[in-house]
């Protein structure tokens, strides 16, 4: 009887240990895409020169996230980006707060994500208006929106504040400067 009890206790103990290990393995970061209950993160970015794209790729790797590029219907040329030229495309767009440059496509699976990072280069101390085009074209309700930016000297805080003010219906999280 004593021997049977010891064997039963050992089997039960082994079984509980195995279940405990199986449950711990469900929380590994690489399984987020397989388990629908796990939170999914999307990195959305606009990059005119490639600098923000590189930052987005680093952030995606850090968060084991998917990437989505905001692509303008009409690509920006070097002349379009000349901030010293008062007639350049970027200057004209940024002076007109209602400007919404057209973008190619939509992120069709945006509903699959719980957290969305929105990244851009800082233009005229705020987000380029093409970022507003993206936000207004998608339902971001129920998601935590984080902001990241690249800049030659401007902080990201005022950019994030501008987006929060423009879109108060959304839940805004952290902001990060990634140079």
Protein backbone atom coordinates (compact mmCIF):
# COMPACT_ATOMS: atom_id res chain seq x y z
CA UNK A 1 0.00 0.00 0.00
CA UNK A 2 2.82 2.39 0.94
CA UNK A 3 4.64 1.59 -2.34
CA UNK A 4 1.46 2.26 -4.38
CA UNK A 5 0.99 5.61 -2.63
CA UNK A 6 4.61 6.66 -3.39
CA UNK A 7 4.23 5.71 -7.08
CA UNK A 8 0.90 7.56 -7.32
CA UNK A 9 2.41 10.67 -5.68
CA UNK A 10 5.38 10.58 -8.06
CA UNK A 11 3.14 10.26 -11.13
CA UNK A 12 0.89 13.07 -9.91
CA UNK A 13 3.90 15.31 -9.16
CA UNK A 14 5.40 14.65 -12.61
CA UNK A 15 2.06 15.40 -14.28
CA UNK A 16 1.67 18.72 -12.46
CA UNK A 17 5.24 19.71 -13.33
CA UNK A 18 4.63 18.93 -17.02
CA UNK A 19 1.42 21.01 -17.06
CA UNK A 20 3.19 23.88 -15.35
CA UNK A 21 5.95 23.85 -17.98
CA UNK A 22 3.42 23.71 -20.80
CA UNK A 23 1.59 26.75 -19.42
CA UNK A 24 4.84 28.70 -19.06
CA UNK A 25 5.73 28.00 -22.68
CA UNK A 26 2.50 29.63 -23.89
CA UNK A 27 3.86 33.06 -22.97
CA UNK A 28 6.95 33.04 -25.18
CA UNK A 29 7.14 36.14 -27.39
CA UNK A 30 7.45 34.24 -30.66
CA UNK A 31 4.08 32.58 -30.20
CA UNK A 32 2.06 35.81 -30.29
CA UNK A 33 0.96 35.23 -33.86
CA UNK A 34 -0.19 31.68 -33.18
CA UNK A 35 -2.26 32.42 -30.06
CA UNK A 36 -5.18 34.78 -30.77
CA UNK A 37 -5.29 35.78 -27.08
CA UNK A 38 -1.76 37.21 -27.26
CA UNK A 39 -1.39 40.90 -28.01
CA UNK A 40 -0.15 41.77 -31.48
CA UNK A 41 1.84 44.86 -32.35
CA UNK A 42 2.07 46.71 -35.65
CA UNK A 43 4.71 49.27 -36.58
CA UNK A 44 3.27 51.77 -39.08
CA UNK A 45 5.72 54.25 -40.53
CA UNK A 46 6.22 56.95 -43.12
CA UNK A 47 9.79 57.38 -44.31
CA UNK A 48 10.76 59.90 -46.96
CA UNK A 49 14.51 59.15 -47.00
CA UNK A 50 14.90 55.75 -45.31
CA UNK A 51 15.89 57.01 -41.85
CA UNK A 52 12.50 56.34 -40.28
CA UNK A 53 12.27 53.00 -42.09
CA UNK A 54 15.49 51.86 -40.37
CA UNK A 55 14.09 53.00 -37.00
CA UNK A 56 10.82 51.15 -37.70
CA UNK A 57 12.72 47.96 -38.49
CA UNK A 58 14.63 48.21 -35.19
CA UNK A 59 11.39 48.81 -33.28
CA UNK A 60 9.68 45.88 -35.02
CA UNK A 61 12.52 43.58 -34.05
CA UNK A 62 12.42 44.86 -30.44
CA UNK A 63 8.65 44.22 -30.15
CA UNK A 64 8.42 41.14 -32.41
CA UNK A 65 5.98 43.23 -34.46
CA UNK A 66 4.77 43.43 -38.02
CA UNK A 67 5.61 46.37 -40.30
CA UNK A 68 3.39 48.52 -42.51
CA UNK A 69 4.77 51.39 -44.60
CA UNK A 70 2.65 54.45 -45.36
CA UNK A 71 3.44 54.91 -49.03
CA UNK A 72 2.53 58.17 -50.75
CA UNK A 73 0.68 57.82 -54.05
CA UNK A 74 3.12 60.36 -55.47
CA UNK A 75 6.63 59.66 -54.10
CA UNK A 76 8.53 62.58 -52.61
CA UNK A 77 11.53 63.81 -54.57
CA UNK A 78 14.56 65.56 -53.10
CA UNK A 79 13.11 68.87 -54.36
CA UNK A 80 9.78 68.06 -52.65
CA UNK A 81 11.61 67.65 -49.34
CA UNK A 82 13.62 70.89 -49.48
CA UNK A 83 12.32 72.60 -46.34
CA UNK A 84 14.21 75.81 -47.23
CA UNK A 85 12.16 76.21 -50.42
CA UNK A 86 8.84 77.91 -49.62
CA UNK A 87 7.33 76.40 -52.78
CA UNK A 88 8.40 72.79 -52.16
CA UNK A 89 5.71 70.16 -51.82
CA UNK A 90 6.50 69.39 -48.18
CA UNK A 91 6.46 73.07 -47.22
CA UNK A 92 3.10 73.63 -48.91
CA UNK A 93 1.60 70.51 -47.30
CA UNK A 94 2.83 71.43 -43.84
CA UNK A 95 1.55 75.02 -44.07
CA UNK A 96 -1.94 73.68 -44.85
CA UNK A 97 -3.14 71.79 -41.75
CA UNK A 98 -6.02 70.31 -43.78
CA UNK A 99 -3.62 68.80 -46.34
CA UNK A 100 -4.04 65.03 -46.66
CA UNK A 101 -1.59 63.65 -49.24
CA UNK A 102 -2.95 60.54 -50.94
CA UNK A 103 -1.53 57.18 -49.89
CA UNK A 104 -1.33 53.88 -51.72
CA UNK A 105 -3.55 51.18 -50.27
CA UNK A 106 -4.78 50.52 -46.76
CA UNK A 107 -3.67 48.27 -43.95
CA UNK A 108 -6.47 45.74 -44.43
CA UNK A 109 -5.73 43.69 -41.31
CA UNK A 110 -5.43 46.59 -38.82
CA UNK A 111 -8.19 45.00 -36.70
CA UNK A 112 -5.78 42.18 -35.83
CA UNK A 113 -3.57 44.46 -33.73
CA UNK A 114 -3.88 45.68 -30.15
CA UNK A 115 -0.93 48.08 -30.21
CA UNK A 116 0.08 50.30 -33.11
CA UNK A 117 3.26 52.36 -33.21
CA UNK A 118 3.05 55.25 -35.69
CA UNK A 119 6.39 56.57 -36.89
CA UNK A 120 7.52 59.47 -39.04
CA UNK A 121 10.24 62.04 -39.54
CA UNK A 122 9.52 65.30 -37.71
CA UNK A 123 8.56 68.00 -40.21
CA UNK A 124 8.03 71.56 -39.03
CA UNK A 125 8.00 70.37 -35.40
CA UNK A 126 5.15 67.88 -35.94
CA UNK A 127 4.07 64.78 -37.89
CA UNK A 128 3.87 65.08 -41.68
CA UNK A 129 0.27 65.49 -42.86
CA UNK A 130 0.45 62.13 -44.65
CA UNK A 131 0.33 60.55 -41.16
CA UNK A 132 -3.10 62.17 -40.69
CA UNK A 133 -4.17 60.60 -43.99
CA UNK A 134 -3.31 57.17 -42.59
CA UNK A 135 -4.99 57.74 -39.22
CA UNK A 136 -8.19 59.05 -40.82
CA UNK A 137 -8.34 56.12 -43.25
CA UNK A 138 -8.29 53.46 -40.50
CA UNK A 139 -10.39 52.62 -37.45
CA UNK A 140 -7.91 52.63 -34.58
CA UNK A 141 -10.52 52.30 -31.83
CA UNK A 142 -9.63 49.94 -29.01
CA UNK A 143 -5.91 50.05 -29.76
CA UNK A 144 -3.07 51.66 -27.86
CA UNK A 145 -1.34 54.09 -30.20
CA UNK A 146 2.31 54.90 -29.59
CA UNK A 147 4.38 57.43 -31.48
CA UNK A 148 7.99 57.25 -32.61
CA UNK A 149 9.86 59.78 -34.67
CA UNK A 150 13.21 60.57 -36.21
CA UNK A 151 14.57 64.08 -36.19
CA UNK A 152 17.67 66.14 -36.71
CA UNK A 153 16.98 68.13 -33.56
CA UNK A 154 13.27 68.39 -32.74
CA UNK A 155 11.76 66.48 -29.80
CA UNK A 156 8.95 63.95 -30.27
CA UNK A 157 6.78 65.22 -27.39
CA UNK A 158 5.11 68.11 -29.26
CA UNK A 159 4.41 65.80 -32.22
CA UNK A 160 2.67 63.28 -29.97
CA UNK A 161 0.74 66.09 -28.27
CA UNK A 162 -0.46 67.35 -31.67
CA UNK A 163 -1.72 63.88 -32.63
CA UNK A 164 -3.46 63.40 -29.27
CA UNK A 165 -5.16 66.76 -29.67
CA UNK A 166 -6.22 66.01 -33.27
CA UNK A 167 -7.50 62.51 -32.42
CA UNK A 168 -8.72 62.53 -28.79
CA UNK A 169 -11.05 59.59 -29.45
CA UNK A 170 -8.05 57.23 -29.45
CA UNK A 171 -5.96 55.84 -26.60
CA UNK A 172 -2.45 57.24 -26.80
CA UNK A 173 0.51 55.63 -25.05
CA UNK A 174 4.18 56.38 -25.09
CA UNK A 175 6.27 58.42 -27.51
CA UNK A 176 9.86 57.82 -28.46
CA UNK A 177 12.54 59.67 -30.42
CA UNK A 178 14.61 57.18 -32.42
CA UNK A 179 17.62 58.77 -34.04
